[in-house]
Every structure is written in structure tokens, then in C-alpha cells.
Amino acid sequence: MNHIAAPRPAPARPGAFTLIIPGCVFAVLIANALTDGYFRDEFYYLACARRLAWGYVDHPPFSVALIALITSIFGDSLLVLRATAAAAGAASVWLTGRIARRLGGNHTAETVGMVSVAVAPMLLGTATFYSMNVLEILIWTWTSFLLLDALDHPTTDRWVRLGVLLGVGLLNKISVLWLGAGIAVGLLLWRRAALRTRGPWLAATIAGLFLLPHVAWQMVNGWPT
């Protein structure tokens, strides 16, 4: 099947109220996260951050490079680690609201979408400590928003942004391949016309290029992952 959908109008600009729910999520996550000490995985990320490479035995380099950058600026205190995770969680909530608006929902739909994610056990558990997993939630959510934007307004720069984010996602966690596969199947079944343009192929190429240094690291080190 090949459906050609009419482009949806651009969603209204987010108002200040859209920051209330993500702000509450950030505050709750921080308050809860600071009741405990460092999680064992956080020590591992900090240790990896002192040995930057294009890969590690059990994960690609992005989450380590990010925390290395953040801790070089703000220090490696528990608050810094937990604030980073909480910010990623809150951003995922905010982006969910923007997705609802992009799909044509009103303020109520936007609010319901944000609240639904805000109370999800997966988010509340994952965003209480720093790891590649909280970044993965953010990347998948952000990718969904950029995909909708690229499909509604298929310009080269929008597909490039999508490809860059997918590439960063692959450098964060290889399971983003499943997201890419899902996008490919969705385009093949419902937006086949998009595949006759260069945009999706450009995005896929960019994402693949981002992953090449990690693949090279795997090859040099005997495929330890």
C-alpha cells in the first residue's frame, strides 16, 4: 500500500505551560535520585570517561563521551550525574507533548501525552541515574518527532537532522537499529512515496557513517561486544 498523506500544519509554538509538567518531572526525579548514593553503573561510566575510546565491551562511546564532557565542566558529583539523567527524562516528556501536537492534537492531547510518559514506570526508574538507557529513551522520542517533521515537510535539512540523531543514537546504543528498522518498514508500508526521494536514503547514509568509527573499533579489538 502507498498512502500519500496531506502535510499536517506545523504545530503551534509551545507555550510556557508546556514546561510545567516536564519541570515537575525533573524536580521529582532529582528529589528521588538524591536520596541514594552513586549507582554502581555510574562508577563504571565515570571510569570509562577517563579512558575515552570509540567503543567499550558492552556499549558504544556516546554516553561515555557525553558524561566526560559534562563532568569536565561541572565536576563528577552525584548531583551532576542525576541532573543529567533527570534532564533527559524531562526532555522526553516535553517531546511527547510536541509529538501529540504534531499529530494534530490540542492542548488536552498534549497534556495527556506528557502525563502518560511522566508517570510511566520505565521513565521514572531509568531517569533516576545516569546511563545510556535514559539517553536512549530521549533519542527514540526525539527521532519520532523529527521523523514526523520530515514526513510532513520533506526538506533535505530535516532528513539530515534525522540522520544525525539516528547516528548519535547508534553511538549511544546499538538497539537503535530496531528503531531504524521500524522506520524502514513503516515507510515501505505506508509512505512508500517518500522512498522515491533522496531524504530517507540520505538519513540512513548519515546514520551509517556515524557508526563507522565504532565498527572500526570493534574490528581492531576483535569484536568484543
Protein backbone atom coordinates (compact mmCIF):
# COMPACT_ATOMS: atom_id res chain seq x y z
CA MET A 1 0.00 0.00 0.00
CA ASN A 2 1.19 3.51 -0.73
CA HIS A 3 -0.64 6.26 1.06
CA ILE A 4 0.21 9.89 0.32
CA ALA A 5 -0.95 11.91 3.29
CA ALA A 6 -1.53 15.62 3.10
CA PRO A 7 1.03 17.51 5.17
CA ARG A 8 -0.20 18.48 8.59
CA PRO A 9 0.10 22.13 9.53
CA ALA A 10 3.01 22.99 11.78
CA PRO A 11 2.01 22.72 15.44
CA ALA A 12 1.50 25.82 17.50
CA ARG A 13 4.58 27.15 19.23
CA PRO A 14 4.93 25.66 22.70
CA GLY A 15 3.67 27.90 25.45
CA ALA A 16 5.15 28.30 28.90
CA PHE A 17 2.57 25.88 30.30
CA THR A 18 4.18 23.02 28.35
CA LEU A 19 7.22 23.32 30.62
CA ILE A 20 5.24 22.81 33.82
CA ILE A 21 4.87 19.04 33.56
CA PRO A 22 8.47 18.39 32.41
CA GLY A 23 9.64 20.76 35.15
CA CYS A 24 7.73 18.79 37.76
CA VAL A 25 9.19 15.56 36.39
CA PHE A 26 12.70 16.98 36.65
CA ALA A 27 12.11 18.10 40.25
CA VAL A 28 10.65 14.75 41.30
CA LEU A 29 13.45 12.80 39.66
CA ILE A 30 16.12 14.94 41.31
CA ALA A 31 14.46 14.75 44.72
CA ASN A 32 14.20 10.98 44.48
CA ALA A 33 17.63 10.44 42.96
CA LEU A 34 19.48 12.32 45.68
CA THR A 35 18.09 10.06 48.40
CA ASP A 36 20.60 7.37 47.36
CA GLY A 37 24.30 7.29 46.69
CA TYR A 38 26.04 6.51 43.43
CA PHE A 39 24.65 3.56 41.48
CA ARG A 40 27.32 1.00 40.54
CA ASP A 41 26.86 1.63 36.80
CA GLU A 42 27.63 5.31 37.34
CA PHE A 43 31.06 4.41 38.71
CA TYR A 44 31.60 2.39 35.55
CA TYR A 45 30.65 5.32 33.31
CA LEU A 46 32.95 7.63 35.24
CA ALA A 47 35.80 5.13 34.90
CA CYS A 48 35.17 4.82 31.16
CA ALA A 49 35.10 8.62 30.88
CA ARG A 50 38.74 8.63 31.98
CA ARG A 51 39.59 6.24 29.13
CA LEU A 52 37.84 7.68 26.11
CA ALA A 53 37.61 5.36 23.11
CA TRP A 54 35.35 4.65 20.15
CA GLY A 55 33.85 1.70 21.96
CA TYR A 56 33.71 -0.41 25.10
CA VAL A 57 32.97 -4.05 25.77
CA ASP A 58 29.29 -3.54 26.44
CA HIS A 59 28.34 -0.23 24.82
CA PRO A 60 29.28 2.34 22.15
CA PRO A 61 31.02 5.61 23.11
CA PHE A 62 28.40 8.38 23.13
CA SER A 63 27.09 8.07 26.69
CA VAL A 64 30.66 7.99 27.98
CA ALA A 65 31.80 10.92 25.84
CA LEU A 66 28.80 12.97 26.96
CA ILE A 67 29.38 12.40 30.66
CA ALA A 68 33.11 13.06 30.16
CA LEU A 69 32.25 16.45 28.67
CA ILE A 70 29.69 17.30 31.35
CA THR A 71 31.90 16.28 34.27
CA SER A 72 34.86 18.17 32.82
CA ILE A 73 32.76 21.33 33.09
CA PHE A 74 30.63 20.76 36.19
CA GLY A 75 32.51 18.08 38.11
CA ASP A 76 31.53 14.48 38.80
CA SER A 77 29.29 14.99 41.81
CA LEU A 78 26.19 12.88 42.31
CA LEU A 79 24.04 15.94 41.59
CA VAL A 80 25.65 16.44 38.18
CA LEU A 81 25.07 12.83 37.15
CA ARG A 82 21.49 12.73 38.38
CA ALA A 83 20.62 16.15 36.94
CA THR A 84 21.81 14.96 33.52
CA ALA A 85 19.61 11.88 33.72
CA ALA A 86 16.64 13.87 35.02
CA ALA A 87 17.03 16.44 32.25
CA ALA A 88 16.95 13.68 29.64
CA GLY A 89 13.81 12.25 31.23
CA ALA A 90 12.09 15.63 31.40
CA ALA A 91 13.02 16.36 27.78
CA SER A 92 11.43 13.06 26.74
CA VAL A 93 8.21 14.12 28.46
CA TRP A 94 8.25 17.51 26.73
CA LEU A 95 8.91 15.97 23.31
CA THR A 96 5.98 13.60 23.79
CA GLY A 97 3.74 16.64 24.11
CA ARG A 98 5.21 18.10 20.93
CA ILE A 99 4.56 14.82 19.11
CA ALA A 100 0.92 14.95 20.19
CA ARG A 101 0.68 18.47 18.78
CA ARG A 102 2.46 17.44 15.60
CA LEU A 103 -0.15 14.70 15.11
CA GLY A 104 -2.92 17.30 15.31
CA GLY A 105 -3.79 17.12 18.98
CA ASN A 106 -4.92 20.10 21.02
CA HIS A 107 -3.63 21.29 24.39
CA THR A 108 -5.53 18.49 26.13
CA ALA A 109 -3.93 15.83 23.95
CA GLU A 110 -0.53 17.40 24.56
CA THR A 111 -1.07 17.35 28.32
CA VAL A 112 -2.38 13.78 28.36
CA GLY A 113 0.60 12.66 26.30
CA MET A 114 3.10 14.29 28.64
CA VAL A 115 1.40 12.99 31.78
CA SER A 116 1.25 9.46 30.36
CA VAL A 117 5.00 9.40 29.86
CA ALA A 118 5.71 11.29 33.09
CA VAL A 119 4.11 8.54 35.19
CA ALA A 120 5.48 5.62 33.17
CA PRO A 121 7.47 3.28 35.46
CA MET A 122 10.09 2.79 32.75
CA LEU A 123 10.91 6.50 32.66
CA LEU A 124 10.68 7.05 36.40
CA GLY A 125 13.04 4.15 37.03
CA THR A 126 15.52 4.77 34.23
CA ALA A 127 15.86 8.53 34.70
CA THR A 128 16.92 8.33 38.35
CA PHE A 129 20.55 7.53 37.49
CA TYR A 130 22.88 8.20 34.58
CA SER A 131 23.22 5.56 31.89
CA MET A 132 22.92 5.11 28.15
CA ASN A 133 19.35 3.88 28.72
CA VAL A 134 17.89 7.24 29.75
CA LEU A 135 19.59 8.78 26.72
CA GLU A 136 18.07 6.07 24.54
CA ILE A 137 14.54 6.99 25.63
CA LEU A 138 15.24 10.61 24.74
CA ILE A 139 16.77 9.70 21.38
CA TRP A 140 13.87 7.44 20.37
CA THR A 141 11.33 10.11 21.34
CA TRP A 142 13.23 12.90 19.60
CA THR A 143 13.67 10.74 16.50
CA SER A 144 9.92 10.18 16.35
CA PHE A 145 9.34 13.93 16.39
CA LEU A 146 11.95 14.60 13.70
CA LEU A 147 10.54 11.81 11.53
CA LEU A 148 7.06 13.32 11.65
CA ASP A 149 8.55 16.70 10.82
CA ALA A 150 10.49 15.29 7.85
CA LEU A 151 7.45 13.45 6.50
CA ASP A 152 5.20 16.49 6.81
CA HIS A 153 7.74 18.92 5.38
CA PRO A 154 10.28 16.80 3.43
CA THR A 155 13.23 19.12 3.03
CA THR A 156 16.83 17.96 2.85
CA ASP A 157 17.84 19.67 6.09
CA ARG A 158 15.07 17.87 8.01
CA TRP A 159 16.19 14.47 6.77
CA VAL A 160 19.80 15.39 7.57
CA ARG A 161 18.83 16.23 11.16
CA LEU A 162 17.04 12.90 11.42
CA GLY A 163 20.08 11.06 10.11
CA VAL A 164 22.41 12.82 12.53
CA LEU A 165 20.20 11.97 15.50
CA LEU A 166 19.92 8.33 14.42
CA GLY A 167 23.70 8.26 14.08
CA VAL A 168 24.14 9.65 17.57
CA GLY A 169 21.61 7.09 18.75
CA LEU A 170 23.65 4.26 17.26
CA LEU A 171 26.74 5.58 19.01
CA ASN A 172 24.74 5.53 22.23
CA LYS A 173 23.17 2.08 21.96
CA ILE A 174 23.12 -0.36 19.05
CA SER A 175 19.47 -1.22 19.72
CA VAL A 176 18.61 1.96 17.80
CA LEU A 177 18.95 -0.37 14.80
CA TRP A 178 15.49 -1.64 15.77
CA LEU A 179 14.18 1.91 15.56
CA GLY A 180 15.72 2.32 12.13
CA ALA A 181 14.22 -0.98 11.01
CA GLY A 182 10.81 0.11 12.27
CA ILE A 183 11.06 3.38 10.37
CA ALA A 184 12.06 1.50 7.20
CA VAL A 185 9.11 -0.90 7.47
CA GLY A 186 6.72 1.96 8.20
CA LEU A 187 7.90 3.90 5.16
CA LEU A 188 7.68 0.81 2.97
CA LEU A 189 4.12 0.02 4.03
CA TRP A 190 2.57 3.46 4.46
CA ARG A 191 4.81 6.14 2.99
CA ARG A 192 6.39 4.41 0.01
CA ALA A 193 6.40 7.64 -1.95
CA ALA A 194 8.97 9.02 0.50
CA LEU A 195 11.35 6.22 -0.51
CA ARG A 196 11.37 7.59 -4.05
CA THR A 197 13.01 10.74 -2.73
CA ARG A 198 16.58 11.07 -1.53
CA GLY A 199 15.66 12.15 2.00
CA PRO A 200 15.30 8.76 3.74
CA TRP A 201 18.34 7.37 1.95
CA LEU A 202 20.38 10.40 2.94
CA ALA A 203 19.32 9.99 6.57
CA ALA A 204 20.23 6.29 6.52
CA THR A 205 23.63 7.03 4.97
CA ILE A 206 24.44 9.68 7.55
CA ALA A 207 23.44 7.37 10.40
CA GLY A 208 25.64 4.62 8.98
CA LEU A 209 28.62 6.95 8.65
CA PHE A 210 28.28 7.92 12.30
CA LEU A 211 28.54 4.26 13.29
CA LEU A 212 31.66 3.51 11.23
CA PRO A 213 34.24 4.55 13.89
CA HIS A 214 32.63 2.20 16.40
CA VAL A 215 32.59 -0.63 13.87
CA ALA A 216 36.27 0.02 13.17
CA TRP A 217 37.00 -0.11 16.91
CA GLN A 218 35.17 -3.44 17.13
CA MET A 219 37.24 -4.84 14.27
CA VAL A 220 40.56 -3.68 15.70
CA ASN A 221 39.73 -5.11 19.12
CA GLY A 222 38.42 -8.48 17.94
CA TRP A 223 34.67 -7.79 18.18
CA PRO A 224 34.47 -7.82 22.00
CA THR A 225 30.82 -6.77 22.16
